[in-house]
Protein backbone atom coordinates (compact mmCIF):
# COMPACT_ATOMS: atom_id res chain seq x y z
CA MET A 1 15.20 49.24 -39.69
CA SER A 2 17.64 50.43 -37.36
CA MET A 3 20.12 47.70 -35.19
CA ARG A 4 18.63 49.12 -32.07
CA THR A 5 15.12 47.93 -33.25
CA ARG A 6 15.72 44.87 -34.45
CA ALA A 7 17.57 43.97 -30.95
CA VAL A 8 14.64 45.21 -28.70
CA SER A 9 12.07 42.88 -31.25
CA ARG A 10 14.65 40.01 -30.70
CA LEU A 11 14.46 40.16 -26.76
CA GLY A 12 10.86 40.70 -26.59
CA CYS A 13 10.09 37.89 -28.28
CA ALA A 14 12.64 35.37 -26.27
CA ALA A 15 10.86 36.42 -24.23
CA LEU A 16 7.20 35.94 -24.49
CA VAL A 17 8.46 32.61 -25.70
CA ALA A 18 9.83 32.26 -22.52
CA LEU A 19 7.00 33.15 -21.10
CA LEU A 20 4.62 30.63 -23.10
CA ALA A 21 6.87 28.16 -22.49
CA ALA A 22 6.71 28.63 -18.88
CA GLY A 23 2.76 28.87 -18.68
CA ALA A 24 2.67 25.24 -20.75
CA ALA A 25 4.78 23.61 -18.24
CA GLY A 26 3.16 25.23 -15.14
CA CYS A 27 -0.48 24.55 -15.53
CA GLY A 28 -0.52 20.80 -16.15
CA GLY A 29 -2.00 20.41 -19.25
CA GLY A 30 -4.34 21.70 -21.00
CA GLY A 31 -4.04 20.79 -25.39
CA GLY A 32 -0.42 19.31 -24.59
CA ASP A 33 0.52 15.57 -24.86
CA ALA A 34 -1.96 13.50 -23.20
CA LYS A 35 0.75 10.67 -22.56
CA LYS A 36 3.29 13.25 -21.06
CA SER A 37 0.68 15.01 -18.70
CA GLU A 38 -0.60 11.40 -17.12
CA GLY A 39 3.50 10.98 -16.79
CA ASP A 40 3.86 13.67 -14.90
CA ALA A 41 2.02 12.68 -11.70
CA ARG A 42 3.67 11.13 -9.45
CA PRO A 43 1.86 7.62 -8.00
CA VAL A 44 0.65 7.91 -4.85
CA LYS A 45 2.32 5.23 -2.27
CA LEU A 46 0.30 3.99 -0.20
CA ALA A 47 -0.15 1.21 2.83
CA PRO A 48 -1.92 -1.12 3.21
CA LEU A 49 -5.18 -0.57 4.99
CA PRO A 50 -4.94 -0.90 8.87
CA LYS A 51 -7.62 -2.89 11.09
CA VAL A 52 -9.18 0.09 12.56
CA ASP A 53 -10.70 0.02 16.95
CA PRO A 54 -13.69 0.79 17.03
CA ALA A 55 -12.89 2.33 20.69
CA ALA A 56 -10.03 4.47 18.53
CA VAL A 57 -13.13 5.92 15.96
CA LYS A 58 -16.35 6.58 18.58
CA GLY A 59 -16.00 9.99 18.15
CA LEU A 60 -16.57 9.91 14.68
CA VAL A 61 -19.65 7.50 14.31
CA GLY A 62 -22.43 8.75 13.11
CA ARG A 63 -23.75 11.22 10.90
CA TRP A 64 -22.23 14.31 10.38
CA ASP A 65 -24.26 17.28 8.27
CA GLY A 66 -22.56 19.82 5.80
CA ALA A 67 -23.94 23.65 5.52
CA GLY A 68 -24.09 22.48 1.49
CA LYS A 69 -26.50 19.59 1.89
CA ASP A 70 -23.77 17.28 2.30
CA TYR A 71 -23.10 14.75 4.50
CA PHE A 72 -20.46 12.57 6.39
CA GLN A 73 -21.93 8.98 7.48
CA PHE A 74 -19.60 6.49 9.14
CA LYS A 75 -19.93 3.46 10.87
CA ALA A 76 -18.09 2.17 14.17
CA ASP A 77 -15.62 -0.14 12.07
CA GLY A 78 -14.14 2.99 10.96
CA THR A 79 -15.86 2.71 7.16
CA GLY A 80 -17.49 6.09 5.94
CA VAL A 81 -19.19 7.64 3.12
CA TRP A 82 -19.54 11.46 1.98
CA LYS A 83 -22.16 11.80 0.20
CA LYS A 84 -23.98 14.66 -1.75
CA GLU A 85 -26.91 14.47 -3.71
CA GLY A 86 -27.24 10.90 -3.79
CA GLN A 87 -23.55 10.74 -5.12
CA THR A 88 -21.39 9.27 -3.54
CA LEU A 89 -18.18 11.93 -3.60
CA TRP A 90 -16.50 9.38 -1.17
CA SER A 91 -15.92 6.41 0.51
CA GLY A 92 -13.46 4.51 2.68
CA LEU A 93 -11.79 4.41 6.17
CA ALA A 94 -11.59 6.78 9.44
CA ILE A 95 -8.15 5.69 9.90
CA PRO A 96 -7.37 7.12 13.45
CA ASP A 97 -4.00 10.09 13.49
CA GLY A 98 -4.71 11.06 17.24
CA ARG A 99 -7.53 11.39 19.98
CA SER A 100 -9.10 13.85 18.08
CA ARG A 101 -7.90 14.07 14.18
CA PHE A 102 -8.24 10.61 11.26
CA ARG A 103 -6.99 10.47 7.88
CA PHE A 104 -9.37 8.69 5.11
CA SER A 105 -8.41 6.25 2.96
CA TRP A 106 -7.72 6.82 -0.26
CA GLN A 107 -8.12 4.29 -3.20
CA GLY A 108 -7.74 1.55 -1.03
CA GLY A 109 -4.83 2.04 1.01
CA ASP A 110 -3.64 4.31 3.97
CA PRO A 111 -1.90 7.59 2.64
CA LYS A 112 0.16 7.56 5.79
CA GLY A 113 1.91 11.27 5.25
CA SER A 114 0.39 14.26 4.45
CA ASN A 115 -3.19 14.09 3.37
CA TYR A 116 -5.76 16.68 3.44
CA TRP A 117 -8.76 13.89 3.03
CA GLY A 118 -9.38 13.46 6.29
CA ALA A 119 -10.79 14.90 9.47
CA THR A 120 -11.01 16.65 12.73
CA VAL A 121 -13.59 15.91 15.51
CA SER A 122 -13.79 19.51 18.65
CA GLU A 123 -13.23 19.09 22.00
CA ASP A 124 -16.49 18.17 22.27
CA GLY A 125 -17.57 15.89 20.07
CA ARG A 126 -20.22 17.59 17.58
CA LYS A 127 -18.52 19.47 15.64
CA MET A 128 -16.09 17.40 12.94
CA THR A 129 -13.75 19.80 10.20
CA PHE A 130 -13.01 18.04 7.44
CA SER A 131 -9.87 19.08 5.78
CA GLY A 132 -9.86 18.58 1.96
CA THR A 133 -12.36 21.32 1.81
CA GLY A 134 -12.26 23.63 5.62
CA GLN A 135 -15.45 22.68 6.16
CA THR A 136 -17.42 22.33 9.35
CA TYR A 137 -19.96 19.86 10.15
CA THR A 138 -22.56 19.22 12.48
CA ARG A 139 -23.11 16.12 14.35
CA THR A 140 -27.03 14.71 13.67
CA SER A 141 -26.79 11.52 14.80
CA GLY A 142 -24.03 8.71 16.40
CA GLY A 143 -22.03 8.71 18.99
CA LYS A 144 -23.47 10.20 23.33
CA ALA A 145 -25.48 12.94 21.85
CA ALA A 146 -27.16 11.38 19.28
CA LYS A 147 -30.73 10.89 19.01
CA GLY A 148 -32.54 8.63 16.65
CA ALA A 149 -29.48 6.66 16.02
CA ALA A 150 -29.00 2.96 16.49
CA PRO A 151 -26.19 1.77 18.37
CA ASP A 152 -23.82 1.09 15.09
CA GLY A 153 -24.56 5.05 14.08
CA GLU A 154 -26.56 4.09 11.10
CA PRO A 155 -29.38 6.58 11.73
CA THR A 156 -32.81 4.56 12.25
CA THR A 157 -35.00 7.11 10.03
CA PRO A 158 -33.82 9.09 6.65
CA LYS A 159 -32.94 12.88 7.08
CA GLY A 160 -34.07 14.34 4.43
CA HIS A 161 -33.84 11.73 2.13
């Protein structure tokens, strides 16, 4: 074997090892040491949940249906759920974050910082965009335009369930 072939082989092997190491480090696990992977995640600092003023969440109260047969339901105290096919995907508190923006509680606390678990209600109050997926939901009960809703925003008749 010539000197040139050996140098190229070593260089190729070194590049492959570096590529594999970089790929393994960037994937966040995948067969690696589970304890090491768990330790890599930084815990999110959560503030205590605030008391929500019903007037501040008035525009969010009611049921919001999505195209994927999922829905959000919010009460006047700010508590809410996100459900699909009978499964609860999220439950917690909608915390006002401006006039028409809300951040959602996470693991019993208030994330306070940038949080993709939240929503923005449109100017006319008929649409809500969920930050987690970018999906738009349509108001089907609660709020000013609701029909068949109790004063607390709960539907008086089940909708498709």
